[in-house]
C-alpha atoms as a PDB file:
ATOM      1  CA  MET A   1      37.274 -29.975  15.188  1.00  0.00           C
ATOM      2  CA  LYS A   2      33.835 -30.617  16.699  1.00  0.00           C
ATOM      3  CA  LEU A   3      30.891 -32.047  14.754  1.00  0.00           C
ATOM      4  CA  ARG A   4      27.254 -32.910  15.292  1.00  0.00           C
ATOM      5  CA  ALA A   5      25.678 -36.056  13.840  1.00  0.00           C
ATOM      6  CA  TYR A   6      21.887 -35.723  13.846  1.00  0.00           C
ATOM      7  CA  ALA A   7      19.374 -38.552  14.107  1.00  0.00           C
ATOM      8  CA  LYS A   8      16.576 -39.107  11.592  1.00  0.00           C
ATOM      9  CA  ILE A   9      13.101 -40.511  11.744  1.00  0.00           C
ATOM     10  CA  ASN A  10      11.214 -42.356   9.030  1.00  0.00           C
ATOM     11  CA  ILE A  11       7.886 -40.773   8.152  1.00  0.00           C
ATOM     12  CA  GLY A  12       6.256 -43.829   6.652  1.00  0.00           C
ATOM     13  CA  LEU A  13       8.063 -46.980   5.516  1.00  0.00           C
ATOM     14  CA  HIS A  14       6.710 -49.122   2.699  1.00  0.00           C
ATOM     15  CA  ILE A  15       8.520 -52.303   1.659  1.00  0.00           C
ATOM     16  CA  LEU A  16       7.946 -52.985  -2.043  1.00  0.00           C
ATOM     17  CA  GLY A  17       9.591 -56.414  -2.197  1.00  0.00           C
ATOM     18  CA  LYS A  18      12.815 -58.409  -2.080  1.00  0.00           C
ATOM     19  CA  ARG A  19      15.425 -57.880  -4.773  1.00  0.00           C
ATOM     20  CA  SER A  20      17.629 -60.388  -6.549  1.00  0.00           C
ATOM     21  CA  ASP A  21      20.638 -59.155  -4.519  1.00  0.00           C
ATOM     22  CA  GLY A  22      18.917 -60.052  -1.230  1.00  0.00           C
ATOM     23  CA  TYR A  23      18.096 -56.472  -0.254  1.00  0.00           C
ATOM     24  CA  HIS A  24      14.584 -55.014  -0.224  1.00  0.00           C
ATOM     25  CA  ASP A  25      13.261 -52.136  -2.300  1.00  0.00           C
ATOM     26  CA  LEU A  26      11.554 -49.600  -0.075  1.00  0.00           C
ATOM     27  CA  GLU A  27       9.941 -46.211   0.009  1.00  0.00           C
ATOM     28  CA  THR A  28      10.267 -43.850   2.957  1.00  0.00           C
ATOM     29  CA  ILE A  29      10.796 -40.247   4.003  1.00  0.00           C
ATOM     30  CA  PHE A  30      13.930 -39.453   6.020  1.00  0.00           C
ATOM     31  CA  HIS A  31      13.584 -36.398   8.274  1.00  0.00           C
ATOM     32  CA  GLU A  32      16.298 -35.072  10.597  1.00  0.00           C
ATOM     33  CA  ILE A  33      15.430 -34.366  14.230  1.00  0.00           C
ATOM     34  CA  ASN A  34      17.062 -32.394  17.030  1.00  0.00           C
ATOM     35  CA  CYS A  35      18.873 -35.293  18.669  1.00  0.00           C
ATOM     36  CA  PHE A  36      22.558 -35.664  17.911  1.00  0.00           C
ATOM     37  CA  ASP A  37      25.802 -37.429  18.699  1.00  0.00           C
ATOM     38  CA  GLU A  38      28.898 -35.287  19.236  1.00  0.00           C
ATOM     39  CA  LEU A  39      32.205 -36.043  17.542  1.00  0.00           C
ATOM     40  CA  GLU A  40      35.631 -34.475  17.868  1.00  0.00           C
ATOM     41  CA  LEU A  41      38.522 -34.986  15.435  1.00  0.00           C
ATOM     42  CA  GLU A  42      42.141 -34.611  16.554  1.00  0.00           C
ATOM     43  CA  GLN A  43      45.465 -35.066  14.811  1.00  0.00           C
ATOM     44  CA  HIS A  44      46.951 -38.544  15.232  1.00  0.00           C
ATOM     45  CA  SER A  45      49.564 -40.722  13.561  1.00  0.00           C
ATOM     46  CA  LYS A  46      46.966 -43.381  12.645  1.00  0.00           C
ATOM     47  CA  ILE A  47      43.189 -43.794  12.464  1.00  0.00           C
ATOM     48  CA  THR A  48      41.648 -44.696  15.826  1.00  0.00           C
ATOM     49  CA  MET A  49      38.698 -43.725  18.025  1.00  0.00           C
ATOM     50  CA  THR A  50      37.255 -43.535  21.511  1.00  0.00           C
ATOM     51  CA  ALA A  51      33.616 -43.666  22.651  1.00  0.00           C
ATOM     52  CA  ASP A  52      31.915 -42.737  25.905  1.00  0.00           C
ATOM     53  CA  SER A  53      29.629 -45.795  25.822  1.00  0.00           C
ATOM     54  CA  ILE A  54      30.639 -49.417  26.280  1.00  0.00           C
ATOM     55  CA  LEU A  55      27.832 -50.293  23.860  1.00  0.00           C
ATOM     56  CA  VAL A  56      29.772 -48.698  20.997  1.00  0.00           C
ATOM     57  CA  PRO A  57      32.475 -50.914  19.447  1.00  0.00           C
ATOM     58  CA  VAL A  58      35.722 -49.084  18.697  1.00  0.00           C
ATOM     59  CA  ASP A  59      37.088 -51.703  16.301  1.00  0.00           C
ATOM     60  CA  GLY A  60      36.852 -52.113  12.534  1.00  0.00           C
ATOM     61  CA  SER A  61      33.117 -52.783  12.715  1.00  0.00           C
ATOM     62  CA  ASN A  62      32.413 -49.184  13.742  1.00  0.00           C
ATOM     63  CA  LEU A  63      31.079 -47.115  10.841  1.00  0.00           C
ATOM     64  CA  CYS A  64      33.132 -44.086  11.914  1.00  0.00           C
ATOM     65  CA  LEU A  65      36.336 -46.059  11.423  1.00  0.00           C
ATOM     66  CA  LYS A  66      35.029 -47.567   8.195  1.00  0.00           C
ATOM     67  CA  ALA A  67      34.369 -44.044   6.898  1.00  0.00           C
ATOM     68  CA  ALA A  68      37.801 -42.743   7.906  1.00  0.00           C
ATOM     69  CA  ASN A  69      39.647 -45.768   6.501  1.00  0.00           C
ATOM     70  CA  LEU A  70      37.683 -45.619   3.243  1.00  0.00           C
ATOM     71  CA  LEU A  71      38.406 -41.911   2.762  1.00  0.00           C
ATOM     72  CA  GLN A  72      42.087 -42.384   3.603  1.00  0.00           C
ATOM     73  CA  LYS A  73      42.418 -45.258   1.138  1.00  0.00           C
ATOM     74  CA  GLU A  74      40.411 -43.706  -1.711  1.00  0.00           C
ATOM     75  CA  LYS A  75      42.186 -40.339  -1.533  1.00  0.00           C
ATOM     76  CA  HIS A  76      45.658 -41.669  -0.616  1.00  0.00           C
ATOM     77  CA  VAL A  77      45.831 -39.639   2.597  1.00  0.00           C
ATOM     78  CA  LYS A  78      48.984 -40.081   4.682  1.00  0.00           C
ATOM     79  CA  ARG A  79      47.619 -38.474   7.845  1.00  0.00           C
ATOM     80  CA  GLY A  80      45.643 -40.152  10.629  1.00  0.00           C
ATOM     81  CA  VAL A  81      42.975 -38.983  13.052  1.00  0.00           C
ATOM     82  CA  ILE A  82      41.582 -39.850  16.447  1.00  0.00           C
ATOM     83  CA  ILE A  83      37.782 -39.694  16.571  1.00  0.00           C
ATOM     84  CA  HIS A  84      36.139 -39.042  19.937  1.00  0.00           C
ATOM     85  CA  LEU A  85      32.451 -40.017  19.987  1.00  0.00           C
ATOM     86  CA  LYS A  86      29.933 -38.885  22.598  1.00  0.00           C
ATOM     87  CA  LYS A  87      26.849 -41.060  22.066  1.00  0.00           C
ATOM     88  CA  ASN A  88      23.459 -39.422  22.652  1.00  0.00           C
ATOM     89  CA  ILE A  89      21.312 -41.052  19.936  1.00  0.00           C
ATOM     90  CA  PRO A  90      19.741 -44.319  21.146  1.00  0.00           C
ATOM     91  CA  ILE A  91      21.574 -47.333  19.703  1.00  0.00           C
ATOM     92  CA  GLY A  92      19.815 -49.781  17.391  1.00  0.00           C
ATOM     93  CA  ALA A  93      16.545 -47.883  17.578  1.00  0.00           C
ATOM     94  CA  GLY A  94      15.770 -46.978  13.959  1.00  0.00           C
ATOM     95  CA  LEU A  95      17.208 -43.451  14.242  1.00  0.00           C
ATOM     96  CA  GLY A  96      20.286 -43.928  12.054  1.00  0.00           C
ATOM     97  CA  GLY A  97      22.833 -42.911  14.675  1.00  0.00           C
ATOM     98  CA  GLY A  98      25.711 -45.037  13.394  1.00  0.00           C
ATOM     99  CA  SER A  99      25.094 -43.960   9.810  1.00  0.00           C
ATOM    100  CA  SER A 100      24.926 -40.298  10.817  1.00  0.00           C
ATOM    101  CA  ASP A 101      28.197 -40.641  12.733  1.00  0.00           C
ATOM    102  CA  ALA A 102      29.863 -42.097   9.627  1.00  0.00           C
ATOM    103  CA  ALA A 103      28.577 -39.247   7.445  1.00  0.00           C
ATOM    104  CA  ALA A 104      29.821 -36.701  10.000  1.00  0.00           C
ATOM    105  CA  VAL A 105      33.272 -38.298   9.859  1.00  0.00           C
ATOM    106  CA  LEU A 106      33.299 -38.035   6.046  1.00  0.00           C
ATOM    107  CA  ARG A 107      32.199 -34.391   6.169  1.00  0.00           C
ATOM    108  CA  GLY A 108      34.624 -33.545   8.938  1.00  0.00           C
ATOM    109  CA  LEU A 109      37.658 -35.290   7.470  1.00  0.00           C
ATOM    110  CA  ASN A 110      36.993 -33.657   4.103  1.00  0.00           C
ATOM    111  CA  LEU A 111      37.836 -30.378   5.866  1.00  0.00           C
ATOM    112  CA  PHE A 112      40.298 -31.792   8.407  1.00  0.00           C
ATOM    113  CA  TRP A 113      42.405 -33.391   5.671  1.00  0.00           C
ATOM    114  CA  GLU A 114      41.750 -30.508   3.229  1.00  0.00           C
ATOM    115  CA  LEU A 115      40.402 -32.805   0.474  1.00  0.00           C
ATOM    116  CA  LYS A 116      37.855 -30.329  -1.015  1.00  0.00           C
ATOM    117  CA  LEU A 117      35.430 -33.072  -2.100  1.00  0.00           C
ATOM    118  CA  SER A 118      31.925 -32.094  -3.204  1.00  0.00           C
ATOM    119  CA  ASP A 119      28.790 -33.348  -1.464  1.00  0.00           C
ATOM    120  CA  ALA A 120      28.166 -35.592  -4.492  1.00  0.00           C
ATOM    121  CA  GLN A 121      31.611 -37.179  -4.068  1.00  0.00           C
ATOM    122  CA  LEU A 122      31.002 -37.638  -0.342  1.00  0.00           C
ATOM    123  CA  ARG A 123      27.622 -39.272  -1.031  1.00  0.00           C
ATOM    124  CA  ALA A 124      29.271 -41.736  -3.433  1.00  0.00           C
ATOM    125  CA  LEU A 125      31.711 -42.734  -0.685  1.00  0.00           C
ATOM    126  CA  ALA A 126      28.905 -42.839   1.896  1.00  0.00           C
ATOM    127  CA  GLU A 127      26.970 -45.342  -0.220  1.00  0.00           C
ATOM    128  CA  GLN A 128      29.849 -47.803   0.153  1.00  0.00           C
ATOM    129  CA  ILE A 129      29.410 -47.688   3.948  1.00  0.00           C
ATOM    130  CA  GLY A 130      25.649 -48.156   4.299  1.00  0.00           C
ATOM    131  CA  SER A 131      22.320 -47.596   2.564  1.00  0.00           C
ATOM    132  CA  ASP A 132      21.215 -44.593   4.614  1.00  0.00           C
ATOM    133  CA  VAL A 133      24.640 -42.960   5.133  1.00  0.00           C
ATOM    134  CA  PRO A 134      24.326 -40.777   1.967  1.00  0.00           C
ATOM    135  CA  PHE A 135      21.242 -39.028   3.408  1.00  0.00           C
ATOM    136  CA  PHE A 136      23.242 -37.655   6.321  1.00  0.00           C
ATOM    137  CA  ILE A 137      25.802 -35.889   4.122  1.00  0.00           C
ATOM    138  CA  GLU A 138      23.287 -33.064   3.667  1.00  0.00           C
ATOM    139  CA  GLY A 139      20.417 -34.150   5.943  1.00  0.00           C
ATOM    140  CA  GLY A 140      17.171 -32.184   6.026  1.00  0.00           C
ATOM    141  CA  THR A 141      14.256 -34.082   4.490  1.00  0.00           C
ATOM    142  CA  ALA A 142      14.432 -36.512   1.573  1.00  0.00           C
ATOM    143  CA  SER A 143      12.391 -39.172  -0.155  1.00  0.00           C
ATOM    144  CA  ALA A 144      14.362 -42.437  -0.174  1.00  0.00           C
ATOM    145  CA  THR A 145      13.844 -45.348  -2.563  1.00  0.00           C
ATOM    146  CA  GLY A 146      15.883 -48.347  -3.745  1.00  0.00           C
ATOM    147  CA  ARG A 147      17.620 -49.733  -0.658  1.00  0.00           C
ATOM    148  CA  GLY A 148      17.269 -46.250   0.829  1.00  0.00           C
ATOM    149  CA  GLU A 149      20.242 -44.834  -1.060  1.00  0.00           C
ATOM    150  CA  ILE A 150      18.305 -43.180  -3.923  1.00  0.00           C
ATOM    151  CA  LEU A 151      17.517 -39.773  -2.439  1.00  0.00           C
ATOM    152  CA  GLU A 152      15.347 -36.885  -3.532  1.00  0.00           C
ATOM    153  CA  PRO A 153      15.716 -33.969  -1.094  1.00  0.00           C
ATOM    154  CA  PHE A 154      12.681 -31.727  -0.771  1.00  0.00           C
ATOM    155  CA  SER A 155      11.411 -28.904   1.385  1.00  0.00           C
ATOM    156  CA  LEU A 156       8.920 -29.855   4.089  1.00  0.00           C
ATOM    157  CA  PRO A 157       7.588 -27.013   6.257  1.00  0.00           C
ATOM    158  CA  MET A 158       6.977 -29.136   9.360  1.00  0.00           C
ATOM    159  CA  PRO A 159       4.134 -27.620  11.427  1.00  0.00           C
ATOM    160  CA  TYR A 160       4.399 -30.099  14.306  1.00  0.00           C
ATOM    161  CA  TRP A 161       6.427 -30.659  17.439  1.00  0.00           C
ATOM    162  CA  ILE A 162       8.015 -34.106  17.051  1.00  0.00           C
ATOM    163  CA  ALA A 163       8.183 -36.205  20.231  1.00  0.00           C
ATOM    164  CA  VAL A 164      10.456 -39.236  20.023  1.00  0.00           C
ATOM    165  CA  VAL A 165      10.276 -42.146  22.498  1.00  0.00           C
ATOM    166  CA  THR A 166      12.715 -45.063  22.602  1.00  0.00           C
ATOM    167  CA  PRO A 167      12.137 -47.836  25.179  1.00  0.00           C
ATOM    168  CA  LEU A 168      14.748 -50.360  26.288  1.00  0.00           C
ATOM    169  CA  ILE A 169      13.920 -52.738  23.442  1.00  0.00           C
ATOM    170  CA  HIS A 170      16.309 -53.672  20.641  1.00  0.00           C
ATOM    171  CA  ILE A 171      14.807 -54.944  17.401  1.00  0.00           C
ATOM    172  CA  SER A 172      17.011 -56.555  14.767  1.00  0.00           C
ATOM    173  CA  THR A 173      16.333 -55.126  11.310  1.00  0.00           C
ATOM    174  CA  ALA A 174      17.003 -58.568   9.818  1.00  0.00           C
ATOM    175  CA  TRP A 175      14.402 -60.086  12.180  1.00  0.00           C
ATOM    176  CA  ALA A 176      11.877 -57.410  11.197  1.00  0.00           C
ATOM    177  CA  TYR A 177      12.323 -58.141   7.479  1.00  0.00           C
ATOM    178  CA  GLN A 178      11.958 -61.884   8.100  1.00  0.00           C
ATOM    179  CA  HIS A 179       8.595 -61.308   9.786  1.00  0.00           C
ATOM    180  CA  LEU A 180       7.042 -59.135   7.094  1.00  0.00           C
ATOM    181  CA  GLU A 181       4.007 -60.624   5.401  1.00  0.00           C
ATOM    182  CA  PRO A 182       5.006 -62.148   2.019  1.00  0.00           C
ATOM    183  CA  GLY A 183       3.447 -61.127  -1.273  1.00  0.00           C
ATOM    184  CA  ARG A 184       4.647 -57.539  -1.642  1.00  0.00           C
ATOM    185  CA  ASN A 185       3.219 -56.030  -4.812  1.00  0.00           C
ATOM    186  CA  GLY A 186       6.122 -53.715  -5.617  1.00  0.00           C
ATOM    187  CA  THR A 187       3.928 -50.635  -5.950  1.00  0.00           C
ATOM    188  CA  ALA A 188       5.148 -47.339  -4.489  1.00  0.00           C
ATOM    189  CA  GLU A 189       2.721 -45.280  -2.420  1.00  0.00           C
ATOM    190  CA  GLY A 190       3.965 -41.811  -3.431  1.00  0.00           C
ATOM    191  CA  TYR A 191       4.705 -40.769   0.154  1.00  0.00           C
ATOM    192  CA  GLN A 192       6.498 -37.549  -0.777  1.00  0.00           C
ATOM    193  CA  ALA A 193       3.558 -36.104  -2.730  1.00  0.00           C
ATOM    194  CA  LYS A 194       1.067 -37.200  -0.074  1.00  0.00           C
ATOM    195  CA  LEU A 195       3.133 -35.720   2.753  1.00  0.00           C
ATOM    196  CA  VAL A 196       3.604 -32.355   1.035  1.00  0.00           C
ATOM    197  CA  LYS A 197      -0.063 -32.129   0.033  1.00  0.00           C
ATOM    198  CA  HIS A 198      -1.567 -33.171   3.371  1.00  0.00           C
ATOM    199  CA  ILE A 199       1.071 -32.018   5.903  1.00  0.00           C
ATOM    200  CA  SER A 200      -1.495 -29.755   7.610  1.00  0.00           C
ATOM    201  CA  ASN A 201      -4.167 -32.485   7.687  1.00  0.00           C
ATOM    202  CA  PRO A 202      -2.984 -35.057  10.252  1.00  0.00           C
ATOM    203  CA  LYS A 203      -6.069 -37.275   9.982  1.00  0.00           C
ATOM    204  CA  ARG A 204      -5.456 -37.604   6.269  1.00  0.00           C
ATOM    205  CA  LEU A 205      -1.756 -38.321   6.881  1.00  0.00           C
ATOM    206  CA  ALA A 206      -2.644 -41.076   9.361  1.00  0.00           C
ATOM    207  CA  SER A 207      -4.828 -42.762   6.749  1.00  0.00           C
ATOM    208  CA  LEU A 208      -2.256 -42.492   3.949  1.00  0.00           C
ATOM    209  CA  ILE A 209       1.161 -42.998   5.535  1.00  0.00           C
ATOM    210  CA  HIS A 210       2.073 -46.205   7.366  1.00  0.00           C
ATOM    211  CA  ASN A 211       5.053 -48.247   8.519  1.00  0.00           C
ATOM    212  CA  ASP A 212       4.839 -51.815   7.184  1.00  0.00           C
ATOM    213  CA  PHE A 213       6.939 -53.082  10.098  1.00  0.00           C
ATOM    214  CA  GLU A 214       4.406 -52.035  12.742  1.00  0.00           C
ATOM    215  CA  GLN A 215       2.133 -55.072  12.437  1.00  0.00           C
ATOM    216  CA  PRO A 216       4.788 -57.809  12.887  1.00  0.00           C
ATOM    217  CA  VAL A 217       6.782 -55.788  15.432  1.00  0.00           C
ATOM    218  CA  PHE A 218       3.745 -54.898  17.561  1.00  0.00           C
ATOM    219  CA  GLN A 219       2.688 -58.567  17.654  1.00  0.00           C
ATOM    220  CA  THR A 220       5.990 -59.543  19.259  1.00  0.00           C
ATOM    221  CA  TYR A 221       6.601 -56.314  21.199  1.00  0.00           C
ATOM    222  CA  PRO A 222       3.161 -55.088  22.377  1.00  0.00           C
ATOM    223  CA  GLU A 223       4.842 -52.442  24.566  1.00  0.00           C
ATOM    224  CA  LEU A 224       5.510 -50.453  21.391  1.00  0.00           C
ATOM    225  CA  ASN A 225       1.832 -50.414  20.484  1.00  0.00           C
ATOM    226  CA  ARG A 226       1.072 -49.215  24.011  1.00  0.00           C
ATOM    227  CA  ILE A 227       3.562 -46.361  23.540  1.00  0.00           C
ATOM    228  CA  LYS A 228       1.818 -45.390  20.303  1.00  0.00           C
ATOM    229  CA  GLU A 229      -1.558 -45.440  22.024  1.00  0.00           C
ATOM    230  CA  GLN A 230      -0.171 -43.367  24.905  1.00  0.00           C
ATOM    231  CA  LEU A 231       1.206 -40.741  22.498  1.00  0.00           C
ATOM    232  CA  ASN A 232      -2.219 -40.534  20.876  1.00  0.00           C
ATOM    233  CA  SER A 233      -4.023 -40.309  24.209  1.00  0.00           C
ATOM    234  CA  GLN A 234      -1.674 -37.468  25.230  1.00  0.00           C
ATOM    235  CA  GLY A 235      -2.686 -35.434  22.188  1.00  0.00           C
ATOM    236  CA  ALA A 236      -0.559 -36.601  19.257  1.00  0.00           C
ATOM    237  CA  VAL A 237      -2.326 -35.790  15.991  1.00  0.00           C
ATOM    238  CA  PHE A 238      -0.360 -38.493  14.167  1.00  0.00           C
ATOM    239  CA  SER A 239       2.026 -41.215  15.352  1.00  0.00           C
ATOM    240  CA  LEU A 240       4.010 -44.127  13.957  1.00  0.00           C
ATOM    241  CA  MET A 241       7.092 -46.277  14.438  1.00  0.00           C
ATOM    242  CA  SER A 242      10.415 -45.156  12.958  1.00  0.00           C
ATOM    243  CA  GLY A 243      12.296 -47.666  10.814  1.00  0.00           C
ATOM    244  CA  SER A 244      12.119 -51.211  12.145  1.00  0.00           C
ATOM    245  CA  GLY A 245      11.820 -49.883  15.713  1.00  0.00           C
ATOM    246  CA  SER A 246      11.947 -49.601  18.561  1.00  0.00           C
ATOM    247  CA  THR A 247      11.514 -45.810  18.410  1.00  0.00           C
ATOM    248  CA  MET A 248       7.985 -44.399  18.363  1.00  0.00           C
ATOM    249  CA  VAL A 249       7.230 -40.903  17.063  1.00  0.00           C
ATOM    250  CA  GLY A 250       4.342 -38.589  17.902  1.00  0.00           C
ATOM    251  CA  PHE A 251       3.480 -35.379  16.057  1.00  0.00           C
ATOM    252  CA  PHE A 252       1.887 -32.649  18.202  1.00  0.00           C
ATOM    253  CA  ASP A 253       0.349 -29.291  17.338  1.00  0.00           C
ATOM    254  CA  GLN A 254       1.466 -27.743  20.650  1.00  0.00           C
ATOM    255  CA  GLU A 255       4.781 -27.843  22.522  1.00  0.00           C
ATOM    256  CA  LYS A 256       2.979 -28.166  25.868  1.00  0.00           C
ATOM    257  CA  LYS A 257       1.204 -31.337  24.738  1.00  0.00           C
ATOM    258  CA  ALA A 258       4.425 -32.835  23.363  1.00  0.00           C
ATOM    259  CA  LEU A 259       6.360 -32.141  26.571  1.00  0.00           C
ATOM    260  CA  GLY A 260       3.502 -33.497  28.670  1.00  0.00           C
ATOM    261  CA  ALA A 261       3.456 -36.690  26.627  1.00  0.00           C
ATOM    262  CA  LEU A 262       7.208 -37.221  27.042  1.00  0.00           C
ATOM    263  CA  GLU A 263       6.962 -36.638  30.802  1.00  0.00           C
ATOM    264  CA  SER A 264       4.320 -39.397  31.019  1.00  0.00           C
ATOM    265  CA  PHE A 265       6.815 -42.121  30.058  1.00  0.00           C
ATOM    266  CA  PRO A 266       9.201 -43.954  32.410  1.00  0.00           C
ATOM    267  CA  LYS A 267      12.592 -42.304  32.966  1.00  0.00           C
ATOM    268  CA  THR A 268      14.249 -45.428  31.556  1.00  0.00           C
ATOM    269  CA  TYR A 269      12.961 -44.450  28.099  1.00  0.00           C
ATOM    270  CA  GLN A 270      15.112 -42.145  25.985  1.00  0.00           C
ATOM    271  CA  THR A 271      13.179 -39.174  24.637  1.00  0.00           C
ATOM    272  CA  SER A 272      13.727 -36.038  22.562  1.00  0.00           C
ATOM    273  CA  ILE A 273      11.667 -33.200  21.147  1.00  0.00           C
ATOM    274  CA  THR A 274      12.103 -31.316  17.876  1.00  0.00           C
ATOM    275  CA  ALA A 275      10.533 -27.909  17.237  1.00  0.00           C
ATOM    276  CA  PRO A 276       8.716 -27.089  13.976  1.00  0.00           C
ATOM    277  CA  SER A 277      11.375 -24.473  13.146  1.00  0.00           C
ATOM    278  CA  PHE A 278      14.313 -26.892  13.607  1.00  0.00           C
ATOM    279  CA  LYS A 279      17.175 -26.804  11.132  1.00  0.00           C
ATOM    280  CA  SER A 280      20.254 -28.980  11.649  1.00  0.00           C
ATOM    281  CA  HIS A 281      23.701 -27.416  12.051  1.00  0.00           C
ATOM    282  CA  HIS A 282      26.210 -29.476  10.059  1.00  0.00           C
ATOM    283  CA  GLU A 283      29.056 -26.978   9.981  1.00  0.00           C
ATOM    284  CA  PRO A 284      31.972 -28.069  12.197  1.00  0.00           C
ATOM    285  CA  GLU A 285      33.082 -26.000  15.144  1.00  0.00           C
ATOM    286  CA  ALA A 286      36.720 -25.149  15.721  1.00  0.00           C
ATOM    287  CA  ARG A 287      38.129 -26.413  19.004  1.00  0.00           C
END
């Protein structure tokens, strides 16, 4: 069984404040893009995995194995599986690759092991793995609050070509939170309503939707600000950082401009482009 695990970008990221459990309340929009890892599930006597990148751990810390072990334990499954992972999504770049892989494993094993769980049941399991794993069970576009696990899917007719640029910079999410300015007021910005209302007005979007991590991250990693400026100079109508970085995202009204912008960056950067008409394909393929 073959599966795709799509990346996501954050359209806006507002940190409301720190919670009593040590996590932060946030507000963001998750939006899937046309960049994906490829997974294959095969029969095996136990749960194990392989990966085509030495940067991907294949031990118990891997979210794919956590997902498989959790599902096996919770549903008392006697069978095993070997998971083959082909990594295409940049690692540690704010695109949710590991979380998406874990969700793909849950979706795939639900069919592979013939468990017949609903999406709601899969989301409940996904929440035990990581805050943004539940989003990837269905994908698409969703408003995310709480730690990122409280989801409200909604329809967003995206009119732009989305150009994604990831340089060879790794930013720790924990570091990014530590460098946020203190004194969060806990007030949500209403990103979903603003995005839906002003999606065709990029200047308005740029004034209303921000990523709170940009200021501290750009101070330490000025290369990311230069990437944002380069996207804008190449014709992006709106641009911002995804998650805690290091991925930068530009929204373009023409494919030609988006492709030209991506070609202007060094070949060492990882890039992708998503068309306005893009819809993810979550259904598994038979071998």
